[in-house]
């Protein structure tokens, strides 16, 4: 389960102000995302159609600490379901646009402003990063086993659908792999089962 560290917004008078019932949520402002693959993005657009659990707690808060076993139990409520996904595939030729890494150390990735950059990244990490941008599970079926250094660039202007199309084109043209719509079994968090236990 990924955990978000969020920044709160305050008014000029120092009071925290949030959305009213029925209003759209404000943009997610976060300092970091914990327990998530490198490059994971969190925005309402990338989370649309997904269950989002935001838990706020502190180590000095007894009731907060007591809730941790429930959160762990909820995270264990998983099932495999057939879902619409994007499948990452490679042709019969090697992905010539992906450069095998020259790094002898660790791996890193960063993203933002229409770019995704990686050093010593496996395809599974690239797929996880793309999932955050595209708002849909990305399944790696490339059979590529190396680690790569890469830079992926796209134009950030336009609607979310336009940006997703540009990212898909950039993946094909700049990395030499394809993103194709398909259905695949995906492990999901089953929230109904966790809620039913409390009632």
Protein backbone atom coordinates (compact mmCIF):
# COMPACT_ATOMS: atom_id res chain seq x y z
CA UNK A 1 0.00 0.00 0.00
CA UNK A 2 1.48 3.36 -0.97
CA UNK A 3 1.37 6.05 1.71
CA UNK A 4 1.18 9.73 0.84
CA UNK A 5 2.79 12.50 2.86
CA UNK A 6 0.58 15.50 2.08
CA UNK A 7 1.09 19.22 2.55
CA UNK A 8 -1.89 21.16 3.92
CA UNK A 9 -3.02 24.46 2.46
CA UNK A 10 -3.60 27.43 4.74
CA UNK A 11 -5.38 30.74 4.28
CA UNK A 12 -3.72 34.11 4.81
CA UNK A 13 -5.04 34.09 8.39
CA UNK A 14 -3.32 30.76 9.06
CA UNK A 15 -6.54 28.73 9.13
CA UNK A 16 -6.61 25.47 7.22
CA UNK A 17 -9.34 25.48 4.60
CA UNK A 18 -10.63 22.36 2.85
CA UNK A 19 -13.30 21.49 0.31
CA UNK A 20 -16.94 21.52 1.28
CA UNK A 21 -19.18 18.46 0.90
CA UNK A 22 -19.94 17.92 -2.79
CA UNK A 23 -16.99 19.98 -4.05
CA UNK A 24 -14.15 18.49 -6.06
CA UNK A 25 -11.08 17.67 -3.96
CA UNK A 26 -8.13 20.07 -4.14
CA UNK A 27 -5.00 19.03 -6.05
CA UNK A 28 -2.76 16.59 -4.20
CA UNK A 29 0.33 18.34 -2.92
CA UNK A 30 2.77 15.85 -1.49
CA UNK A 31 6.28 15.89 -0.21
CA UNK A 32 6.96 12.24 -0.98
CA UNK A 33 5.28 8.91 -1.67
CA UNK A 34 6.42 6.08 0.55
CA UNK A 35 6.36 2.35 -0.25
CA UNK A 36 5.75 2.90 -3.96
CA UNK A 37 7.83 2.15 -7.08
CA UNK A 38 10.24 4.89 -8.20
CA UNK A 39 8.56 7.52 -10.35
CA UNK A 40 5.08 6.88 -8.95
CA UNK A 41 2.92 9.95 -9.42
CA UNK A 42 -0.06 10.94 -7.28
CA UNK A 43 -2.66 13.29 -8.70
CA UNK A 44 -6.42 12.99 -8.71
CA UNK A 45 -6.25 12.41 -12.48
CA UNK A 46 -3.87 9.46 -12.06
CA UNK A 47 -6.02 8.01 -9.25
CA UNK A 48 -9.38 8.42 -10.99
CA UNK A 49 -11.48 5.27 -10.74
CA UNK A 50 -9.32 3.80 -7.97
CA UNK A 51 -9.94 3.41 -4.27
CA UNK A 52 -7.82 5.92 -2.36
CA UNK A 53 -7.19 5.53 1.37
CA UNK A 54 -5.58 8.52 3.07
CA UNK A 55 -4.67 7.81 6.68
CA UNK A 56 -3.30 10.59 8.88
CA UNK A 57 -1.59 9.56 12.11
CA UNK A 58 1.30 10.32 14.41
CA UNK A 59 3.51 8.06 16.52
CA UNK A 60 2.46 9.91 19.69
CA UNK A 61 -1.25 9.26 19.02
CA UNK A 62 -2.43 6.10 20.83
CA UNK A 63 -5.66 5.61 18.82
CA UNK A 64 -3.68 6.22 15.61
CA UNK A 65 -1.19 3.50 16.50
CA UNK A 66 -4.05 1.17 17.45
CA UNK A 67 -5.45 1.59 13.90
CA UNK A 68 -2.31 0.21 12.23
CA UNK A 69 -3.35 -3.47 12.49
CA UNK A 70 -6.66 -2.57 10.79
CA UNK A 71 -4.78 -0.83 7.96
CA UNK A 72 -2.53 -3.86 7.55
CA UNK A 73 -5.58 -6.13 7.54
CA UNK A 74 -7.23 -3.95 4.91
CA UNK A 75 -4.08 -4.08 2.76
CA UNK A 76 -4.24 -7.89 2.95
CA UNK A 77 -7.74 -7.96 1.41
CA UNK A 78 -6.70 -8.58 -2.18
CA UNK A 79 -8.24 -10.38 -5.12
CA UNK A 80 -7.33 -10.93 -8.76
CA UNK A 81 -9.74 -9.40 -11.27
CA UNK A 82 -9.80 -9.01 -15.04
CA UNK A 83 -9.15 -5.33 -15.80
CA UNK A 84 -8.49 -2.95 -18.67
CA UNK A 85 -4.72 -2.40 -18.76
CA UNK A 86 -1.97 -1.18 -21.04
CA UNK A 87 0.48 -3.91 -22.04
CA UNK A 88 4.09 -2.89 -22.60
CA UNK A 89 5.48 -4.98 -25.48
CA UNK A 90 8.69 -5.15 -27.50
CA UNK A 91 8.89 -6.30 -31.11
CA UNK A 92 11.09 -9.10 -32.36
CA UNK A 93 14.02 -6.68 -32.60
CA UNK A 94 15.72 -5.49 -29.41
CA UNK A 95 14.46 -2.16 -28.08
CA UNK A 96 17.19 -0.13 -29.77
CA UNK A 97 16.17 3.14 -28.10
CA UNK A 98 16.74 1.82 -24.57
CA UNK A 99 20.41 2.11 -23.62
CA UNK A 100 21.70 -0.70 -21.37
CA UNK A 101 22.90 1.02 -18.22
CA UNK A 102 26.51 2.00 -17.71
CA UNK A 103 25.92 2.54 -14.01
CA UNK A 104 27.71 0.26 -11.59
CA UNK A 105 25.92 1.71 -8.56
CA UNK A 106 22.32 2.14 -7.55
CA UNK A 107 19.35 3.15 -9.61
CA UNK A 108 17.42 6.40 -9.71
CA UNK A 109 14.52 8.00 -11.49
CA UNK A 110 12.85 11.38 -11.52
CA UNK A 111 9.92 12.86 -13.33
CA UNK A 112 7.94 16.02 -13.80
CA UNK A 113 7.14 18.66 -16.36
CA UNK A 114 6.72 16.22 -19.24
CA UNK A 115 9.72 14.05 -18.56
CA UNK A 116 10.66 10.71 -17.03
CA UNK A 117 14.36 10.00 -16.54
CA UNK A 118 15.97 6.84 -15.25
CA UNK A 119 19.37 5.39 -14.50
CA UNK A 120 19.82 1.62 -14.05
CA UNK A 121 16.07 0.95 -14.22
CA UNK A 122 14.43 -2.37 -15.07
CA UNK A 123 11.45 -2.46 -17.41
CA UNK A 124 9.17 -3.25 -14.45
CA UNK A 125 10.15 0.09 -12.88
CA UNK A 126 9.50 1.91 -16.15
CA UNK A 127 6.07 0.23 -16.35
CA UNK A 128 5.26 1.28 -12.76
CA UNK A 129 6.23 4.88 -13.52
CA UNK A 130 4.12 4.93 -16.68
CA UNK A 131 1.17 3.57 -14.71
CA UNK A 132 1.20 6.72 -12.57
CA UNK A 133 1.17 9.00 -15.62
CA UNK A 134 -1.40 7.02 -17.60
CA UNK A 135 -3.82 6.31 -14.74
CA UNK A 136 -4.16 2.66 -15.70
CA UNK A 137 -2.24 -0.52 -14.83
CA UNK A 138 0.74 -1.12 -17.13
CA UNK A 139 1.75 -4.78 -17.50
CA UNK A 140 5.28 -5.57 -18.68
CA UNK A 141 5.24 -8.26 -21.38
CA UNK A 142 8.46 -7.15 -23.11
CA UNK A 143 10.66 -10.04 -21.86
CA UNK A 144 13.47 -7.47 -21.59
CA UNK A 145 15.67 -8.33 -18.61
CA UNK A 146 18.42 -5.69 -18.68
CA UNK A 147 18.53 -2.45 -16.73
CA UNK A 148 18.48 0.76 -18.74
CA UNK A 149 19.33 4.45 -18.73
CA UNK A 150 16.68 6.50 -20.51
CA UNK A 151 15.03 9.87 -20.94
CA UNK A 152 11.40 10.12 -22.02
CA UNK A 153 10.02 13.54 -23.02
CA UNK A 154 6.50 14.64 -24.00
CA UNK A 155 4.47 17.85 -24.34
CA UNK A 156 2.47 18.50 -21.15
CA UNK A 157 -0.10 20.87 -22.67
CA UNK A 158 -3.69 19.89 -23.30
CA UNK A 159 -6.21 17.63 -21.62
CA UNK A 160 -5.32 14.46 -19.71
CA UNK A 161 -6.38 12.33 -22.71
CA UNK A 162 -4.13 14.37 -25.04
CA UNK A 163 -1.19 14.00 -22.62
CA UNK A 164 -1.78 10.23 -22.35
CA UNK A 165 -1.68 9.98 -26.15
CA UNK A 166 1.57 11.92 -26.26
CA UNK A 167 3.12 9.70 -23.59
CA UNK A 168 2.12 6.57 -25.54
CA UNK A 169 3.69 8.04 -28.71
CA UNK A 170 6.84 9.06 -26.80
CA UNK A 171 7.21 5.52 -25.38
CA UNK A 172 7.05 4.08 -28.91
CA UNK A 173 9.30 6.65 -30.57
CA UNK A 174 11.84 7.25 -27.79
CA UNK A 175 12.04 3.87 -26.03
CA UNK A 176 11.18 1.59 -28.95
CA UNK A 177 8.46 -0.32 -27.06
CA UNK A 178 4.67 -0.26 -27.46
CA UNK A 179 1.76 0.35 -25.08
CA UNK A 180 -1.32 -1.57 -26.22
CA UNK A 181 -4.78 -1.71 -24.58
CA UNK A 182 -5.74 -5.19 -23.34
CA UNK A 183 -7.45 -7.07 -20.51
CA UNK A 184 -5.34 -8.90 -17.92
CA UNK A 185 -5.83 -10.33 -14.43
CA UNK A 186 -4.64 -7.72 -11.91
CA UNK A 187 -4.32 -7.99 -8.14
CA UNK A 188 -6.56 -5.38 -6.50
CA UNK A 189 -7.40 -4.24 -2.99
CA UNK A 190 -10.90 -5.43 -2.06
CA UNK A 191 -12.31 -2.69 0.13
CA UNK A 192 -15.79 -4.27 0.49
CA UNK A 193 -14.37 -7.23 2.42
CA UNK A 194 -12.46 -4.98 4.84
CA UNK A 195 -15.49 -2.74 5.47
CA UNK A 196 -17.88 -5.67 5.93
CA UNK A 197 -15.83 -6.93 8.89
CA UNK A 198 -16.39 -3.71 10.81
CA UNK A 199 -20.20 -3.82 10.48
